[in-house]
């Protein structure tokens, strides 16, 4: 289960307590689409509270979404201590237009500040 919150109209956050598989990514992307309908571009904050990371299916679903909504996404902050999740976000940053940056959990405040600027 995840919690969602807002920093501002153009910044939405998610606290995820389980692996981000295809099903979980579909739920997250649905909420992102709702926000994009109201304001665009947006910034996204995702914190992996479980450290289970993201599945390959979840990652591919996210990349596909980012390509089809490239003008709608400005920044994506990923907060996790899961090394594979961080590496996948670093790779994703190269192939999607949005500015994607990963942070360790101890740096969550830096991530929040970065995504809001």
PDB file of N, CA and C in Angstrom:
ATOM      1  N   UNK A   1       0.840  -1.182   0.000  1.00  0.00           N
ATOM      2  CA  UNK A   1       0.000   0.000   0.000  1.00  0.00           C
ATOM      3  C   UNK A   1       0.878   1.235   0.000  1.00  0.00           C
ATOM      4  N   UNK A   2       0.438   2.263  -0.690  1.00  0.00           N
ATOM      5  CA  UNK A   2       1.228   3.479  -0.697  1.00  0.00           C
ATOM      6  C   UNK A   2       0.413   4.640  -0.149  1.00  0.00           C
ATOM      7  N   UNK A   3       1.131   5.633   0.318  1.00  0.00           N
ATOM      8  CA  UNK A   3       0.524   6.886   0.747  1.00  0.00           C
ATOM      9  C   UNK A   3       0.896   7.920  -0.300  1.00  0.00           C
ATOM     10  N   UNK A   4      -0.023   8.816  -0.579  1.00  0.00           N
ATOM     11  CA  UNK A   4       0.289   9.901  -1.498  1.00  0.00           C
ATOM     12  C   UNK A   4       0.171  11.212  -0.740  1.00  0.00           C
ATOM     13  N   UNK A   5       0.908  12.191  -1.205  1.00  0.00           N
ATOM     14  CA  UNK A   5       0.849  13.511  -0.597  1.00  0.00           C
ATOM     15  C   UNK A   5       1.270  14.532  -1.635  1.00  0.00           C
ATOM     16  N   UNK A   6       1.037  15.789  -1.336  1.00  0.00           N
ATOM     17  CA  UNK A   6       1.377  16.869  -2.258  1.00  0.00           C
ATOM     18  C   UNK A   6       2.275  17.878  -1.558  1.00  0.00           C
ATOM     19  N   UNK A   7       3.289  18.353  -2.274  1.00  0.00           N
ATOM     20  CA  UNK A   7       4.091  19.471  -1.803  1.00  0.00           C
ATOM     21  C   UNK A   7       3.493  20.769  -2.322  1.00  0.00           C
ATOM     22  N   UNK A   8       3.031  20.707  -3.540  1.00  0.00           N
ATOM     23  CA  UNK A   8       2.462  21.854  -4.244  1.00  0.00           C
ATOM     24  C   UNK A   8       1.580  21.293  -5.359  1.00  0.00           C
ATOM     25  N   UNK A   9       0.905  22.164  -6.095  1.00  0.00           N
ATOM     26  CA  UNK A   9       0.051  21.693  -7.183  1.00  0.00           C
ATOM     27  C   UNK A   9       0.822  20.859  -8.202  1.00  0.00           C
ATOM     28  N   UNK A  10       2.083  21.220  -8.426  1.00  0.00           N
ATOM     29  CA  UNK A  10       2.861  20.539  -9.461  1.00  0.00           C
ATOM     30  C   UNK A  10       3.818  19.477  -8.913  1.00  0.00           C
ATOM     31  N   UNK A  11       3.703  19.142  -7.617  1.00  0.00           N
ATOM     32  CA  UNK A  11       4.579  18.123  -7.027  1.00  0.00           C
ATOM     33  C   UNK A  11       3.719  17.112  -6.269  1.00  0.00           C
ATOM     34  N   UNK A  12       3.837  15.851  -6.661  1.00  0.00           N
ATOM     35  CA  UNK A  12       3.093  14.783  -5.988  1.00  0.00           C
ATOM     36  C   UNK A  12       4.085  13.748  -5.464  1.00  0.00           C
ATOM     37  N   UNK A  13       3.800  13.220  -4.264  1.00  0.00           N
ATOM     38  CA  UNK A  13       4.709  12.261  -3.652  1.00  0.00           C
ATOM     39  C   UNK A  13       4.033  10.943  -3.333  1.00  0.00           C
ATOM     40  N   UNK A  14       4.834   9.887  -3.310  1.00  0.00           N
ATOM     41  CA  UNK A  14       4.356   8.542  -3.002  1.00  0.00           C
ATOM     42  C   UNK A  14       5.316   7.900  -2.010  1.00  0.00           C
ATOM     43  N   UNK A  15       4.767   7.298  -0.959  1.00  0.00           N
ATOM     44  CA  UNK A  15       5.537   6.488  -0.020  1.00  0.00           C
ATOM     45  C   UNK A  15       5.100   5.045  -0.251  1.00  0.00           C
ATOM     46  N   UNK A  16       5.992   4.230  -0.786  1.00  0.00           N
ATOM     47  CA  UNK A  16       5.662   2.869  -1.213  1.00  0.00           C
ATOM     48  C   UNK A  16       6.196   1.859  -0.192  1.00  0.00           C
ATOM     49  N   UNK A  17       5.330   0.931   0.225  1.00  0.00           N
ATOM     50  CA  UNK A  17       5.711  -0.046   1.246  1.00  0.00           C
ATOM     51  C   UNK A  17       5.849  -1.466   0.706  1.00  0.00           C
ATOM     52  N   UNK A  18       5.938  -1.611  -0.607  1.00  0.00           N
ATOM     53  CA  UNK A  18       6.078  -2.941  -1.215  1.00  0.00           C
ATOM     54  C   UNK A  18       6.835  -2.801  -2.529  1.00  0.00           C
ATOM     55  N   UNK A  19       7.208  -3.939  -3.108  1.00  0.00           N
ATOM     56  CA  UNK A  19       7.898  -3.898  -4.390  1.00  0.00           C
ATOM     57  C   UNK A  19       7.028  -3.175  -5.425  1.00  0.00           C
ATOM     58  N   UNK A  20       7.658  -2.383  -6.256  1.00  0.00           N
ATOM     59  CA  UNK A  20       6.938  -1.681  -7.315  1.00  0.00           C
ATOM     60  C   UNK A  20       6.920  -2.593  -8.539  1.00  0.00           C
ATOM     61  N   UNK A  21       5.909  -3.447  -8.585  1.00  0.00           N
ATOM     62  CA  UNK A  21       5.742  -4.343  -9.718  1.00  0.00           C
ATOM     63  C   UNK A  21       4.802  -3.684 -10.734  1.00  0.00           C
ATOM     64  N   UNK A  22       4.410  -4.410 -11.756  1.00  0.00           N
ATOM     65  CA  UNK A  22       3.544  -3.831 -12.793  1.00  0.00           C
ATOM     66  C   UNK A  22       2.224  -3.326 -12.215  1.00  0.00           C
ATOM     67  N   UNK A  23       1.631  -4.091 -11.316  1.00  0.00           N
ATOM     68  CA  UNK A  23       0.345  -3.704 -10.727  1.00  0.00           C
ATOM     69  C   UNK A  23       0.488  -2.425  -9.908  1.00  0.00           C
ATOM     70  N   UNK A  24       1.516  -2.357  -9.064  1.00  0.00           N
ATOM     71  CA  UNK A  24       1.740  -1.174  -8.232  1.00  0.00           C
ATOM     72  C   UNK A  24       2.070   0.035  -9.116  1.00  0.00           C
ATOM     73  N   UNK A  25       2.874  -0.184 -10.159  1.00  0.00           N
ATOM     74  CA  UNK A  25       3.214   0.917 -11.066  1.00  0.00           C
ATOM     75  C   UNK A  25       1.962   1.428 -11.773  1.00  0.00           C
ATOM     76  N   UNK A  26       1.061   0.537 -12.142  1.00  0.00           N
ATOM     77  CA  UNK A  26      -0.178   0.955 -12.788  1.00  0.00           C
ATOM     78  C   UNK A  26      -0.980   1.870 -11.857  1.00  0.00           C
ATOM     79  N   UNK A  27      -1.041   1.531 -10.564  1.00  0.00           N
ATOM     80  CA  UNK A  27      -1.741   2.372  -9.586  1.00  0.00           C
ATOM     81  C   UNK A  27      -1.082   3.750  -9.477  1.00  0.00           C
ATOM     82  N   UNK A  28       0.239   3.754  -9.396  1.00  0.00           N
ATOM     83  CA  UNK A  28       0.979   5.018  -9.280  1.00  0.00           C
ATOM     84  C   UNK A  28       0.758   5.877 -10.519  1.00  0.00           C
ATOM     85  N   UNK A  29       0.880   5.266 -11.692  1.00  0.00           N
ATOM     86  CA  UNK A  29       0.731   6.023 -12.937  1.00  0.00           C
ATOM     87  C   UNK A  29      -0.687   6.552 -13.106  1.00  0.00           C
ATOM     88  N   UNK A  30      -1.663   5.834 -12.605  1.00  0.00           N
ATOM     89  CA  UNK A  30      -3.046   6.309 -12.653  1.00  0.00           C
ATOM     90  C   UNK A  30      -3.186   7.616 -11.860  1.00  0.00           C
ATOM     91  N   UNK A  31      -2.574   7.662 -10.688  1.00  0.00           N
ATOM     92  CA  UNK A  31      -2.623   8.875  -9.856  1.00  0.00           C
ATOM     93  C   UNK A  31      -1.840  10.013 -10.505  1.00  0.00           C
ATOM     94  N   UNK A  32      -0.752   9.676 -11.168  1.00  0.00           N
ATOM     95  CA  UNK A  32       0.033  10.697 -11.867  1.00  0.00           C
ATOM     96  C   UNK A  32      -0.773  11.270 -13.034  1.00  0.00           C
ATOM     97  N   UNK A  33      -1.461  10.408 -13.774  1.00  0.00           N
ATOM     98  CA  UNK A  33      -2.306  10.875 -14.885  1.00  0.00           C
ATOM     99  C   UNK A  33      -3.380  11.832 -14.395  1.00  0.00           C
ATOM    100  N   UNK A  34      -3.999  11.509 -13.261  1.00  0.00           N
ATOM    101  CA  UNK A  34      -5.015  12.397 -12.691  1.00  0.00           C
ATOM    102  C   UNK A  34      -4.438  13.783 -12.424  1.00  0.00           C
ATOM    103  N   UNK A  35      -3.232  13.819 -11.887  1.00  0.00           N
ATOM    104  CA  UNK A  35      -2.599  15.106 -11.578  1.00  0.00           C
ATOM    105  C   UNK A  35      -2.260  15.867 -12.855  1.00  0.00           C
ATOM    106  N   UNK A  36      -1.753  15.151 -13.864  1.00  0.00           N
ATOM    107  CA  UNK A  36      -1.372  15.777 -15.129  1.00  0.00           C
ATOM    108  C   UNK A  36      -2.586  16.423 -15.808  1.00  0.00           C
ATOM    109  N   UNK A  37      -3.745  15.857 -15.599  1.00  0.00           N
ATOM    110  CA  UNK A  37      -4.957  16.441 -16.177  1.00  0.00           C
ATOM    111  C   UNK A  37      -5.265  17.806 -15.575  1.00  0.00           C
ATOM    112  N   UNK A  38      -4.758  18.052 -14.354  1.00  0.00           N
ATOM    113  CA  UNK A  38      -5.004  19.325 -13.667  1.00  0.00           C
ATOM    114  C   UNK A  38      -3.874  20.323 -13.884  1.00  0.00           C
ATOM    115  N   UNK A  39      -2.640  19.844 -13.891  1.00  0.00           N
ATOM    116  CA  UNK A  39      -1.477  20.725 -14.032  1.00  0.00           C
ATOM    117  C   UNK A  39      -0.346  19.959 -14.721  1.00  0.00           C
ATOM    118  N   UNK A  40       0.403  20.666 -15.543  1.00  0.00           N
ATOM    119  CA  UNK A  40       1.522  20.050 -16.257  1.00  0.00           C
ATOM    120  C   UNK A  40       2.537  21.141 -16.581  1.00  0.00           C
ATOM    121  N   UNK A  41       3.805  20.875 -16.482  1.00  0.00           N
ATOM    122  CA  UNK A  41       4.445  19.627 -16.075  1.00  0.00           C
ATOM    123  C   UNK A  41       4.411  19.468 -14.554  1.00  0.00           C
ATOM    124  N   UNK A  42       4.643  18.231 -14.098  1.00  0.00           N
ATOM    125  CA  UNK A  42       4.678  17.949 -12.675  1.00  0.00           C
ATOM    126  C   UNK A  42       6.024  17.344 -12.294  1.00  0.00           C
ATOM    127  N   UNK A  43       6.277  17.360 -10.990  1.00  0.00           N
ATOM    128  CA  UNK A  43       7.446  16.704 -10.418  1.00  0.00           C
ATOM    129  C   UNK A  43       6.933  15.594  -9.504  1.00  0.00           C
ATOM    130  N   UNK A  44       7.708  14.529  -9.398  1.00  0.00           N
ATOM    131  CA  UNK A  44       7.282  13.353  -8.642  1.00  0.00           C
ATOM    132  C   UNK A  44       8.355  12.980  -7.623  1.00  0.00           C
ATOM    133  N   UNK A  45       7.894  12.673  -6.405  1.00  0.00           N
ATOM    134  CA  UNK A  45       8.748  12.183  -5.334  1.00  0.00           C
ATOM    135  C   UNK A  45       8.269  10.776  -4.999  1.00  0.00           C
ATOM    136  N   UNK A  46       9.164   9.781  -5.092  1.00  0.00           N
ATOM    137  CA  UNK A  46       8.823   8.404  -4.743  1.00  0.00           C
ATOM    138  C   UNK A  46       9.824   7.915  -3.704  1.00  0.00           C
ATOM    139  N   UNK A  47       9.291   7.471  -2.554  1.00  0.00           N
ATOM    140  CA  UNK A  47      10.146   6.915  -1.513  1.00  0.00           C
ATOM    141  C   UNK A  47       9.827   5.443  -1.333  1.00  0.00           C
ATOM    142  N   UNK A  48      10.836   4.619  -1.499  1.00  0.00           N
ATOM    143  CA  UNK A  48      10.724   3.165  -1.365  1.00  0.00           C
ATOM    144  C   UNK A  48      10.959   2.819   0.105  1.00  0.00           C
ATOM    145  N   UNK A  49       9.878   2.787   0.888  1.00  0.00           N
ATOM    146  CA  UNK A  49      10.004   2.514   2.318  1.00  0.00           C
ATOM    147  C   UNK A  49      10.372   1.066   2.612  1.00  0.00           C
ATOM    148  N   UNK A  50      10.116   0.168   1.694  1.00  0.00           N
ATOM    149  CA  UNK A  50      10.350  -1.255   1.927  1.00  0.00           C
ATOM    150  C   UNK A  50      11.742  -1.701   1.500  1.00  0.00           C
ATOM    151  N   UNK A  51      12.372  -0.959   0.636  1.00  0.00           N
ATOM    152  CA  UNK A  51      13.648  -1.341   0.017  1.00  0.00           C
ATOM    153  C   UNK A  51      13.523  -2.599  -0.833  1.00  0.00           C
ATOM    154  N   UNK A  52      12.307  -2.891  -1.298  1.00  0.00           N
ATOM    155  CA  UNK A  52      12.117  -4.018  -2.208  1.00  0.00           C
ATOM    156  C   UNK A  52      12.382  -3.617  -3.647  1.00  0.00           C
ATOM    157  N   UNK A  53      12.435  -2.315  -3.920  1.00  0.00           N
ATOM    158  CA  UNK A  53      12.794  -1.843  -5.241  1.00  0.00           C
ATOM    159  C   UNK A  53      11.692  -1.963  -6.270  1.00  0.00           C
ATOM    160  N   UNK A  54      12.115  -2.045  -7.517  1.00  0.00           N
ATOM    161  CA  UNK A  54      11.190  -2.070  -8.647  1.00  0.00           C
ATOM    162  C   UNK A  54      11.460  -3.312  -9.489  1.00  0.00           C
ATOM    163  N   UNK A  55      10.402  -3.944  -9.950  1.00  0.00           N
ATOM    164  CA  UNK A  55      10.565  -5.116 -10.819  1.00  0.00           C
ATOM    165  C   UNK A  55      10.868  -4.641 -12.242  1.00  0.00           C
ATOM    166  N   UNK A  56      11.346  -5.542 -13.068  1.00  0.00           N
ATOM    167  CA  UNK A  56      11.618  -5.209 -14.459  1.00  0.00           C
ATOM    168  C   UNK A  56      10.329  -4.773 -15.153  1.00  0.00           C
ATOM    169  N   UNK A  57       9.228  -5.480 -14.881  1.00  0.00           N
ATOM    170  CA  UNK A  57       7.938  -5.117 -15.469  1.00  0.00           C
ATOM    171  C   UNK A  57       7.495  -3.729 -15.039  1.00  0.00           C
ATOM    172  N   UNK A  58       7.689  -3.407 -13.763  1.00  0.00           N
ATOM    173  CA  UNK A  58       7.345  -2.076 -13.259  1.00  0.00           C
ATOM    174  C   UNK A  58       8.187  -0.999 -13.913  1.00  0.00           C
ATOM    175  N   UNK A  59       9.480  -1.272 -14.073  1.00  0.00           N
ATOM    176  CA  UNK A  59      10.379  -0.311 -14.720  1.00  0.00           C
ATOM    177  C   UNK A  59       9.985  -0.069 -16.171  1.00  0.00           C
ATOM    178  N   UNK A  60       9.701  -1.148 -16.901  1.00  0.00           N
ATOM    179  CA  UNK A  60       9.327  -0.994 -18.314  1.00  0.00           C
ATOM    180  C   UNK A  60       8.016  -0.220 -18.462  1.00  0.00           C
ATOM    181  N   UNK A  61       7.067  -0.456 -17.572  1.00  0.00           N
ATOM    182  CA  UNK A  61       5.796   0.274 -17.589  1.00  0.00           C
ATOM    183  C   UNK A  61       6.060   1.762 -17.334  1.00  0.00           C
ATOM    184  N   UNK A  62       6.950   2.077 -16.405  1.00  0.00           N
ATOM    185  CA  UNK A  62       7.283   3.476 -16.098  1.00  0.00           C
ATOM    186  C   UNK A  62       7.968   4.155 -17.280  1.00  0.00           C
ATOM    187  N   UNK A  63       8.908   3.473 -17.904  1.00  0.00           N
ATOM    188  CA  UNK A  63       9.624   4.052 -19.052  1.00  0.00           C
ATOM    189  C   UNK A  63       8.651   4.326 -20.195  1.00  0.00           C
ATOM    190  N   UNK A  64       7.775   3.390 -20.469  1.00  0.00           N
ATOM    191  CA  UNK A  64       6.767   3.581 -21.528  1.00  0.00           C
ATOM    192  C   UNK A  64       5.900   4.808 -21.218  1.00  0.00           C
ATOM    193  N   UNK A  65       5.472   4.928 -19.976  1.00  0.00           N
ATOM    194  CA  UNK A  65       4.658   6.083 -19.569  1.00  0.00           C
ATOM    195  C   UNK A  65       5.433   7.388 -19.765  1.00  0.00           C
ATOM    196  N   UNK A  66       6.680   7.393 -19.369  1.00  0.00           N
ATOM    197  CA  UNK A  66       7.481   8.615 -19.477  1.00  0.00           C
ATOM    198  C   UNK A  66       7.657   9.054 -20.923  1.00  0.00           C
ATOM    199  N   UNK A  67       7.834   8.098 -21.824  1.00  0.00           N
ATOM    200  CA  UNK A  67       7.951   8.468 -23.233  1.00  0.00           C
ATOM    201  C   UNK A  67       6.653   9.056 -23.770  1.00  0.00           C
ATOM    202  N   UNK A  68       5.519   8.514 -23.346  1.00  0.00           N
ATOM    203  CA  UNK A  68       4.239   9.027 -23.854  1.00  0.00           C
ATOM    204  C   UNK A  68       3.800  10.309 -23.142  1.00  0.00           C
ATOM    205  N   UNK A  69       4.460  10.665 -22.040  1.00  0.00           N
ATOM    206  CA  UNK A  69       4.129  11.889 -21.296  1.00  0.00           C
ATOM    207  C   UNK A  69       5.381  12.739 -21.055  1.00  0.00           C
ATOM    208  N   UNK A  70       6.286  12.747 -22.008  1.00  0.00           N
ATOM    209  CA  UNK A  70       7.566  13.426 -21.808  1.00  0.00           C
ATOM    210  C   UNK A  70       7.422  14.919 -21.510  1.00  0.00           C
ATOM    211  N   UNK A  71       6.426  15.554 -22.063  1.00  0.00           N
ATOM    212  CA  UNK A  71       6.226  16.988 -21.820  1.00  0.00           C
ATOM    213  C   UNK A  71       5.577  17.251 -20.461  1.00  0.00           C
ATOM    214  N   UNK A  72       5.035  16.227 -19.836  1.00  0.00           N
ATOM    215  CA  UNK A  72       4.283  16.390 -18.590  1.00  0.00           C
ATOM    216  C   UNK A  72       5.117  16.160 -17.334  1.00  0.00           C
ATOM    217  N   UNK A  73       6.328  15.625 -17.482  1.00  0.00           N
ATOM    218  CA  UNK A  73       7.158  15.284 -16.332  1.00  0.00           C
ATOM    219  C   UNK A  73       8.436  16.101 -16.335  1.00  0.00           C
ATOM    220  N   UNK A  74       8.655  16.826 -15.252  1.00  0.00           N
ATOM    221  CA  UNK A  74       9.830  17.693 -15.160  1.00  0.00           C
ATOM    222  C   UNK A  74      10.956  17.022 -14.364  1.00  0.00           C
ATOM    223  N   UNK A  75      10.654  16.630 -13.109  1.00  0.00           N
ATOM    224  CA  UNK A  75      11.655  16.006 -12.240  1.00  0.00           C
ATOM    225  C   UNK A  75      11.048  14.804 -11.534  1.00  0.00           C
ATOM    226  N   UNK A  76      11.901  13.809 -11.303  1.00  0.00           N
ATOM    227  CA  UNK A  76      11.482  12.636 -10.541  1.00  0.00           C
ATOM    228  C   UNK A  76      12.579  12.331  -9.522  1.00  0.00           C
ATOM    229  N   UNK A  77      12.218  12.414  -8.231  1.00  0.00           N
ATOM    230  CA  UNK A  77      13.151  12.087  -7.154  1.00  0.00           C
ATOM    231  C   UNK A  77      12.794  10.705  -6.622  1.00  0.00           C
ATOM    232  N   UNK A  78      13.785   9.810  -6.587  1.00  0.00           N
ATOM    233  CA  UNK A  78      13.604   8.463  -6.079  1.00  0.00           C
ATOM    234  C   UNK A  78      14.433   8.331  -4.807  1.00  0.00           C
ATOM    235  N   UNK A  79      13.778   7.987  -3.693  1.00  0.00           N
ATOM    236  CA  UNK A  79      14.468   7.817  -2.417  1.00  0.00           C
ATOM    237  C   UNK A  79      14.430   6.342  -2.053  1.00  0.00           C
ATOM    238  N   UNK A  80      15.596   5.720  -2.032  1.00  0.00           N
ATOM    239  CA  UNK A  80      15.692   4.291  -1.734  1.00  0.00           C
ATOM    240  C   UNK A  80      17.118   3.939  -1.332  1.00  0.00           C
ATOM    241  N   UNK A  81      17.236   2.881  -0.570  1.00  0.00           N
ATOM    242  CA  UNK A  81      18.554   2.331  -0.265  1.00  0.00           C
ATOM    243  C   UNK A  81      18.814   1.066  -1.087  1.00  0.00           C
ATOM    244  N   UNK A  82      17.841   0.671  -1.904  1.00  0.00           N
ATOM    245  CA  UNK A  82      17.987  -0.501  -2.760  1.00  0.00           C
ATOM    246  C   UNK A  82      18.902  -0.157  -3.941  1.00  0.00           C
ATOM    247  N   UNK A  83      20.041  -0.817  -4.014  1.00  0.00           N
ATOM    248  CA  UNK A  83      21.047  -0.494  -5.036  1.00  0.00           C
ATOM    249  C   UNK A  83      20.553  -0.722  -6.466  1.00  0.00           C
ATOM    250  N   UNK A  84      19.808  -1.807  -6.678  1.00  0.00           N
ATOM    251  CA  UNK A  84      19.321  -2.080  -8.036  1.00  0.00           C
ATOM    252  C   UNK A  84      18.297  -1.033  -8.481  1.00  0.00           C
ATOM    253  N   UNK A  85      17.459  -0.580  -7.564  1.00  0.00           N
ATOM    254  CA  UNK A  85      16.474   0.453  -7.878  1.00  0.00           C
ATOM    255  C   UNK A  85      17.208   1.734  -8.274  1.00  0.00           C
ATOM    256  N   UNK A  86      18.238   2.095  -7.517  1.00  0.00           N
ATOM    257  CA  UNK A  86      19.034   3.292  -7.840  1.00  0.00           C
ATOM    258  C   UNK A  86      19.667   3.172  -9.214  1.00  0.00           C
ATOM    259  N   UNK A  87      20.265   2.025  -9.489  1.00  0.00           N
ATOM    260  CA  UNK A  87      20.921   1.833 -10.789  1.00  0.00           C
ATOM    261  C   UNK A  87      19.911   1.914 -11.933  1.00  0.00           C
ATOM    262  N   UNK A  88      18.733   1.329 -11.740  1.00  0.00           N
ATOM    263  CA  UNK A  88      17.723   1.378 -12.797  1.00  0.00           C
ATOM    264  C   UNK A  88      17.268   2.819 -13.025  1.00  0.00           C
ATOM    265  N   UNK A  89      17.227   3.630 -11.987  1.00  0.00           N
ATOM    266  CA  UNK A  89      16.831   5.030 -12.142  1.00  0.00           C
ATOM    267  C   UNK A  89      17.938   5.828 -12.849  1.00  0.00           C
ATOM    268  N   UNK A  90      19.188   5.489 -12.567  1.00  0.00           N
ATOM    269  CA  UNK A  90      20.296   6.152 -13.259  1.00  0.00           C
ATOM    270  C   UNK A  90      20.243   5.848 -14.754  1.00  0.00           C
ATOM    271  N   UNK A  91      19.946   4.609 -15.105  1.00  0.00           N
ATOM    272  CA  UNK A  91      19.823   4.223 -16.515  1.00  0.00           C
ATOM    273  C   UNK A  91      18.622   4.930 -17.133  1.00  0.00           C
ATOM    274  N   UNK A  92      17.516   4.948 -16.403  1.00  0.00           N
ATOM    275  CA  UNK A  92      16.293   5.575 -16.899  1.00  0.00           C
ATOM    276  C   UNK A  92      16.517   7.064 -17.165  1.00  0.00           C
ATOM    277  N   UNK A  93      17.326   7.709 -16.345  1.00  0.00           N
ATOM    278  CA  UNK A  93      17.609   9.131 -16.519  1.00  0.00           C
ATOM    279  C   UNK A  93      18.237   9.403 -17.882  1.00  0.00           C
ATOM    280  N   UNK A  94      18.983   8.449 -18.400  1.00  0.00           N
ATOM    281  CA  UNK A  94      19.631   8.599 -19.700  1.00  0.00           C
ATOM    282  C   UNK A  94      18.629   8.461 -20.849  1.00  0.00           C
ATOM    283  N   UNK A  95      17.586   7.641 -20.658  1.00  0.00           N
ATOM    284  CA  UNK A  95      16.694   7.334 -21.777  1.00  0.00           C
ATOM    285  C   UNK A  95      15.345   8.053 -21.739  1.00  0.00           C
ATOM    286  N   UNK A  96      15.020   8.754 -20.646  1.00  0.00           N
ATOM    287  CA  UNK A  96      13.762   9.504 -20.604  1.00  0.00           C
ATOM    288  C   UNK A  96      14.056  10.990 -20.437  1.00  0.00           C
ATOM    289  N   UNK A  97      13.180  11.840 -20.965  1.00  0.00           N
ATOM    290  CA  UNK A  97      13.422  13.282 -20.939  1.00  0.00           C
ATOM    291  C   UNK A  97      13.386  13.926 -19.551  1.00  0.00           C
ATOM    292  N   UNK A  98      12.620  13.399 -18.619  1.00  0.00           N
ATOM    293  CA  UNK A  98      12.522  14.009 -17.286  1.00  0.00           C
ATOM    294  C   UNK A  98      13.865  13.900 -16.563  1.00  0.00           C
ATOM    295  N   UNK A  99      14.120  14.851 -15.681  1.00  0.00           N
ATOM    296  CA  UNK A  99      15.325  14.830 -14.856  1.00  0.00           C
ATOM    297  C   UNK A  99      15.070  13.869 -13.696  1.00  0.00           C
ATOM    298  N   UNK A 100      15.766  12.740 -13.675  1.00  0.00           N
ATOM    299  CA  UNK A 100      15.577  11.707 -12.656  1.00  0.00           C
ATOM    300  C   UNK A 100      16.815  11.657 -11.779  1.00  0.00           C
ATOM    301  N   UNK A 101      16.582  11.681 -10.459  1.00  0.00           N
ATOM    302  CA  UNK A 101      17.714  11.633  -9.537  1.00  0.00           C
ATOM    303  C   UNK A 101      17.358  10.731  -8.369  1.00  0.00           C
ATOM    304  N   UNK A 102      18.296   9.864  -7.968  1.00  0.00           N
ATOM    305  CA  UNK A 102      18.047   8.979  -6.825  1.00  0.00           C
ATOM    306  C   UNK A 102      18.812   9.484  -5.603  1.00  0.00           C
ATOM    307  N   UNK A 103      18.215   9.239  -4.440  1.00  0.00           N
ATOM    308  CA  UNK A 103      18.766   9.668  -3.164  1.00  0.00           C
ATOM    309  C   UNK A 103      18.678   8.511  -2.177  1.00  0.00           C
ATOM    310  N   UNK A 104      19.607   8.454  -1.242  1.00  0.00           N
ATOM    311  CA  UNK A 104      19.512   7.485  -0.156  1.00  0.00           C
ATOM    312  C   UNK A 104      18.481   7.995   0.843  1.00  0.00           C
ATOM    313  N   UNK A 105      17.938   7.090   1.644  1.00  0.00           N
ATOM    314  CA  UNK A 105      16.902   7.478   2.608  1.00  0.00           C
ATOM    315  C   UNK A 105      17.385   8.556   3.575  1.00  0.00           C
ATOM    316  N   UNK A 106      18.637   8.501   3.954  1.00  0.00           N
ATOM    317  CA  UNK A 106      19.157   9.501   4.882  1.00  0.00           C
ATOM    318  C   UNK A 106      19.145  10.901   4.266  1.00  0.00           C
ATOM    319  N   UNK A 107      19.021  10.973   2.938  1.00  0.00           N
ATOM    320  CA  UNK A 107      19.018  12.255   2.231  1.00  0.00           C
ATOM    321  C   UNK A 107      17.624  12.632   1.720  1.00  0.00           C
ATOM    322  N   UNK A 108      16.578  12.112   2.357  1.00  0.00           N
ATOM    323  CA  UNK A 108      15.207  12.373   1.882  1.00  0.00           C
ATOM    324  C   UNK A 108      14.877  13.863   1.868  1.00  0.00           C
ATOM    325  N   UNK A 109      15.400  14.632   2.816  1.00  0.00           N
ATOM    326  CA  UNK A 109      15.124  16.073   2.828  1.00  0.00           C
ATOM    327  C   UNK A 109      15.769  16.759   1.619  1.00  0.00           C
ATOM    328  N   UNK A 110      16.959  16.329   1.235  1.00  0.00           N
ATOM    329  CA  UNK A 110      17.596  16.850   0.023  1.00  0.00           C
ATOM    330  C   UNK A 110      16.725  16.532  -1.194  1.00  0.00           C
ATOM    331  N   UNK A 111      16.191  15.315  -1.222  1.00  0.00           N
ATOM    332  CA  UNK A 111      15.333  14.905  -2.340  1.00  0.00           C
ATOM    333  C   UNK A 111      14.083  15.775  -2.413  1.00  0.00           C
ATOM    334  N   UNK A 112      13.470  16.020  -1.266  1.00  0.00           N
ATOM    335  CA  UNK A 112      12.280  16.876  -1.245  1.00  0.00           C
ATOM    336  C   UNK A 112      12.597  18.282  -1.717  1.00  0.00           C
ATOM    337  N   UNK A 113      13.697  18.823  -1.246  1.00  0.00           N
ATOM    338  CA  UNK A 113      14.100  20.169  -1.690  1.00  0.00           C
ATOM    339  C   UNK A 113      14.410  20.200  -3.174  1.00  0.00           C
ATOM    340  N   UNK A 114      15.132  19.190  -3.651  1.00  0.00           N
ATOM    341  CA  UNK A 114      15.511  19.142  -5.064  1.00  0.00           C
ATOM    342  C   UNK A 114      14.279  19.084  -5.967  1.00  0.00           C
ATOM    343  N   UNK A 115      13.314  18.245  -5.618  1.00  0.00           N
ATOM    344  CA  UNK A 115      12.146  18.068  -6.482  1.00  0.00           C
ATOM    345  C   UNK A 115      11.259  19.309  -6.484  1.00  0.00           C
ATOM    346  N   UNK A 116      11.326  20.114  -5.428  1.00  0.00           N
ATOM    347  CA  UNK A 116      10.471  21.310  -5.357  1.00  0.00           C
ATOM    348  C   UNK A 116      11.069  22.524  -6.054  1.00  0.00           C
ATOM    349  N   UNK A 117      12.369  22.524  -6.308  1.00  0.00           N
ATOM    350  CA  UNK A 117      13.020  23.697  -6.925  1.00  0.00           C
ATOM    351  C   UNK A 117      12.886  23.654  -8.433  1.00  0.00           C
TER     352      UNK A 117
END
